[in-house]
Amino acid sequence: MLFNTHLDLTKKPKPTMPYFPEQSANNREFNNADSFCIAFDSAWKELNQDESSKKQEQDKKIELALKQIESHPFVIDSPSKARDIAKFRIRLLKLG
């Protein structure tokens, strides 16, 4: 039996699923630590751009960041883990 090994690279493949921009990876939240870290990093960065927030104690800033993402599934289901991961991330990445 012979196989056709020739690939026609001029044809665009048809997508198997429709793409909806509002469902891009940046807008999706999952109930896991990775998704939480992405959301937390964004909230932390935004807080650090505000001059009044820069002067606050780290624990207070963590609470403010968590408040910004309080609707995140991981924060809802595991608030103490979320807080611990936030502290670990700040220490690990020297974000404090």
C-alpha atoms as a PDB file:
ATOM      1  CA  MET A   1       0.000   0.000   0.000  1.00  0.00           C
ATOM      2  CA  LEU A   2       1.331   3.383  -0.946  1.00  0.00           C
ATOM      3  CA  PHE A   3       0.893   6.443   1.228  1.00  0.00           C
ATOM      4  CA  ASN A   4       0.642   9.969  -0.045  1.00  0.00           C
ATOM      5  CA  THR A   5       3.526  11.726   1.707  1.00  0.00           C
ATOM      6  CA  HIS A   6       3.078  14.977  -0.182  1.00  0.00           C
ATOM      7  CA  LEU A   7       1.739  17.758   2.024  1.00  0.00           C
ATOM      8  CA  ASP A   8       0.137  20.747   0.393  1.00  0.00           C
ATOM      9  CA  LEU A   9       1.388  23.642   2.525  1.00  0.00           C
ATOM     10  CA  THR A  10      -0.390  26.224   0.413  1.00  0.00           C
ATOM     11  CA  LYS A  11      -3.783  25.361   1.861  1.00  0.00           C
ATOM     12  CA  LYS A  12      -4.751  26.832   5.200  1.00  0.00           C
ATOM     13  CA  PRO A  13      -5.999  24.237   7.653  1.00  0.00           C
ATOM     14  CA  LYS A  14      -9.583  24.664   8.751  1.00  0.00           C
ATOM     15  CA  PRO A  15      -9.974  25.362  12.461  1.00  0.00           C
ATOM     16  CA  THR A  16     -11.640  22.592  14.388  1.00  0.00           C
ATOM     17  CA  MET A  17     -13.235  24.924  16.912  1.00  0.00           C
ATOM     18  CA  PRO A  18     -14.472  28.484  16.552  1.00  0.00           C
ATOM     19  CA  TYR A  19     -12.313  31.151  18.146  1.00  0.00           C
ATOM     20  CA  PHE A  20     -13.919  33.693  20.418  1.00  0.00           C
ATOM     21  CA  PRO A  21     -11.549  36.513  21.452  1.00  0.00           C
ATOM     22  CA  GLU A  22     -13.354  36.990  24.761  1.00  0.00           C
ATOM     23  CA  GLN A  23     -12.340  33.438  25.653  1.00  0.00           C
ATOM     24  CA  SER A  24      -8.633  33.981  25.116  1.00  0.00           C
ATOM     25  CA  ALA A  25      -6.241  32.635  27.739  1.00  0.00           C
ATOM     26  CA  ASN A  26      -5.963  36.063  29.369  1.00  0.00           C
ATOM     27  CA  ASN A  27      -9.643  36.109  30.274  1.00  0.00           C
ATOM     28  CA  ARG A  28     -10.011  32.570  31.567  1.00  0.00           C
ATOM     29  CA  GLU A  29      -9.751  31.713  35.229  1.00  0.00           C
ATOM     30  CA  PHE A  30      -9.379  28.231  36.624  1.00  0.00           C
ATOM     31  CA  ASN A  31      -9.525  26.892  40.131  1.00  0.00           C
ATOM     32  CA  ASN A  32      -5.811  26.176  40.384  1.00  0.00           C
ATOM     33  CA  ALA A  33      -2.643  27.830  41.641  1.00  0.00           C
ATOM     34  CA  ASP A  34      -1.278  28.636  38.168  1.00  0.00           C
ATOM     35  CA  SER A  35      -4.360  30.607  37.204  1.00  0.00           C
ATOM     36  CA  PHE A  36      -4.329  32.300  40.596  1.00  0.00           C
ATOM     37  CA  CYS A  37      -0.678  33.347  40.164  1.00  0.00           C
ATOM     38  CA  ILE A  38      -1.418  34.986  36.827  1.00  0.00           C
ATOM     39  CA  ALA A  39      -4.296  36.967  38.345  1.00  0.00           C
ATOM     40  CA  PHE A  40      -2.340  37.815  41.505  1.00  0.00           C
ATOM     41  CA  ASP A  41       0.717  39.009  39.571  1.00  0.00           C
ATOM     42  CA  SER A  42      -1.454  41.353  37.549  1.00  0.00           C
ATOM     43  CA  ALA A  43      -3.161  42.758  40.675  1.00  0.00           C
ATOM     44  CA  TRP A  44       0.199  43.092  42.479  1.00  0.00           C
ATOM     45  CA  LYS A  45       1.755  44.920  39.529  1.00  0.00           C
ATOM     46  CA  GLU A  46      -1.208  47.292  39.371  1.00  0.00           C
ATOM     47  CA  LEU A  47      -0.915  48.003  43.112  1.00  0.00           C
ATOM     48  CA  ASN A  48       2.784  48.760  42.829  1.00  0.00           C
ATOM     49  CA  GLN A  49       2.099  51.377  40.171  1.00  0.00           C
ATOM     50  CA  ASP A  50       0.029  53.349  42.686  1.00  0.00           C
ATOM     51  CA  GLU A  51       2.268  55.615  44.787  1.00  0.00           C
ATOM     52  CA  SER A  52       0.076  55.403  47.900  1.00  0.00           C
ATOM     53  CA  SER A  53       0.091  51.579  47.776  1.00  0.00           C
ATOM     54  CA  LYS A  54       3.874  51.379  47.442  1.00  0.00           C
ATOM     55  CA  LYS A  55       4.291  52.736  50.977  1.00  0.00           C
ATOM     56  CA  GLN A  56       1.951  50.218  52.619  1.00  0.00           C
ATOM     57  CA  GLU A  57       3.126  47.150  54.507  1.00  0.00           C
ATOM     58  CA  GLN A  58       3.471  43.978  52.477  1.00  0.00           C
ATOM     59  CA  ASP A  59       0.658  42.114  54.309  1.00  0.00           C
ATOM     60  CA  LYS A  60      -1.727  45.003  53.680  1.00  0.00           C
ATOM     61  CA  LYS A  61      -0.766  45.076  49.994  1.00  0.00           C
ATOM     62  CA  ILE A  62      -1.364  41.333  49.737  1.00  0.00           C
ATOM     63  CA  GLU A  63      -4.843  41.788  51.179  1.00  0.00           C
ATOM     64  CA  LEU A  64      -5.531  44.617  48.715  1.00  0.00           C
ATOM     65  CA  ALA A  65      -4.383  42.458  45.801  1.00  0.00           C
ATOM     66  CA  LEU A  66      -6.500  39.544  46.991  1.00  0.00           C
ATOM     67  CA  LYS A  67      -9.470  41.886  47.295  1.00  0.00           C
ATOM     68  CA  GLN A  68      -8.997  42.883  43.633  1.00  0.00           C
ATOM     69  CA  ILE A  69      -9.237  39.233  42.566  1.00  0.00           C
ATOM     70  CA  GLU A  70     -11.738  38.057  45.176  1.00  0.00           C
ATOM     71  CA  SER A  71     -13.967  36.528  42.492  1.00  0.00           C
ATOM     72  CA  HIS A  72     -11.167  34.215  41.296  1.00  0.00           C
ATOM     73  CA  PRO A  73     -12.204  30.562  41.842  1.00  0.00           C
ATOM     74  CA  PHE A  74      -8.987  29.680  43.703  1.00  0.00           C
ATOM     75  CA  VAL A  75      -9.383  32.614  46.109  1.00  0.00           C
ATOM     76  CA  ILE A  76     -12.994  31.615  46.763  1.00  0.00           C
ATOM     77  CA  ASP A  77     -12.258  27.921  47.364  1.00  0.00           C
ATOM     78  CA  SER A  78      -8.848  28.167  49.046  1.00  0.00           C
ATOM     79  CA  PRO A  79      -8.335  31.625  50.577  1.00  0.00           C
ATOM     80  CA  SER A  80      -5.609  30.549  53.009  1.00  0.00           C
ATOM     81  CA  LYS A  81      -3.678  28.706  50.268  1.00  0.00           C
ATOM     82  CA  ALA A  82      -4.055  31.738  48.014  1.00  0.00           C
ATOM     83  CA  ARG A  83      -2.606  33.961  50.743  1.00  0.00           C
ATOM     84  CA  ASP A  84       0.287  31.537  51.354  1.00  0.00           C
ATOM     85  CA  ILE A  85       1.053  31.289  47.633  1.00  0.00           C
ATOM     86  CA  ALA A  86       0.971  35.088  47.314  1.00  0.00           C
ATOM     87  CA  LYS A  87       3.496  35.460  50.157  1.00  0.00           C
ATOM     88  CA  PHE A  88       5.698  32.718  48.713  1.00  0.00           C
ATOM     89  CA  ARG A  89       5.598  34.318  45.252  1.00  0.00           C
ATOM     90  CA  ILE A  90       6.555  37.725  46.568  1.00  0.00           C
ATOM     91  CA  ARG A  91       9.464  36.227  48.490  1.00  0.00           C
ATOM     92  CA  LEU A  92      10.559  33.917  45.652  1.00  0.00           C
ATOM     93  CA  LEU A  93      10.422  36.553  42.927  1.00  0.00           C
ATOM     94  CA  LYS A  94      11.586  39.355  45.229  1.00  0.00           C
ATOM     95  CA  LEU A  95       8.507  41.427  44.453  1.00  0.00           C
ATOM     96  CA  GLY A  96       8.250  42.984  47.929  1.00  0.00           C
END
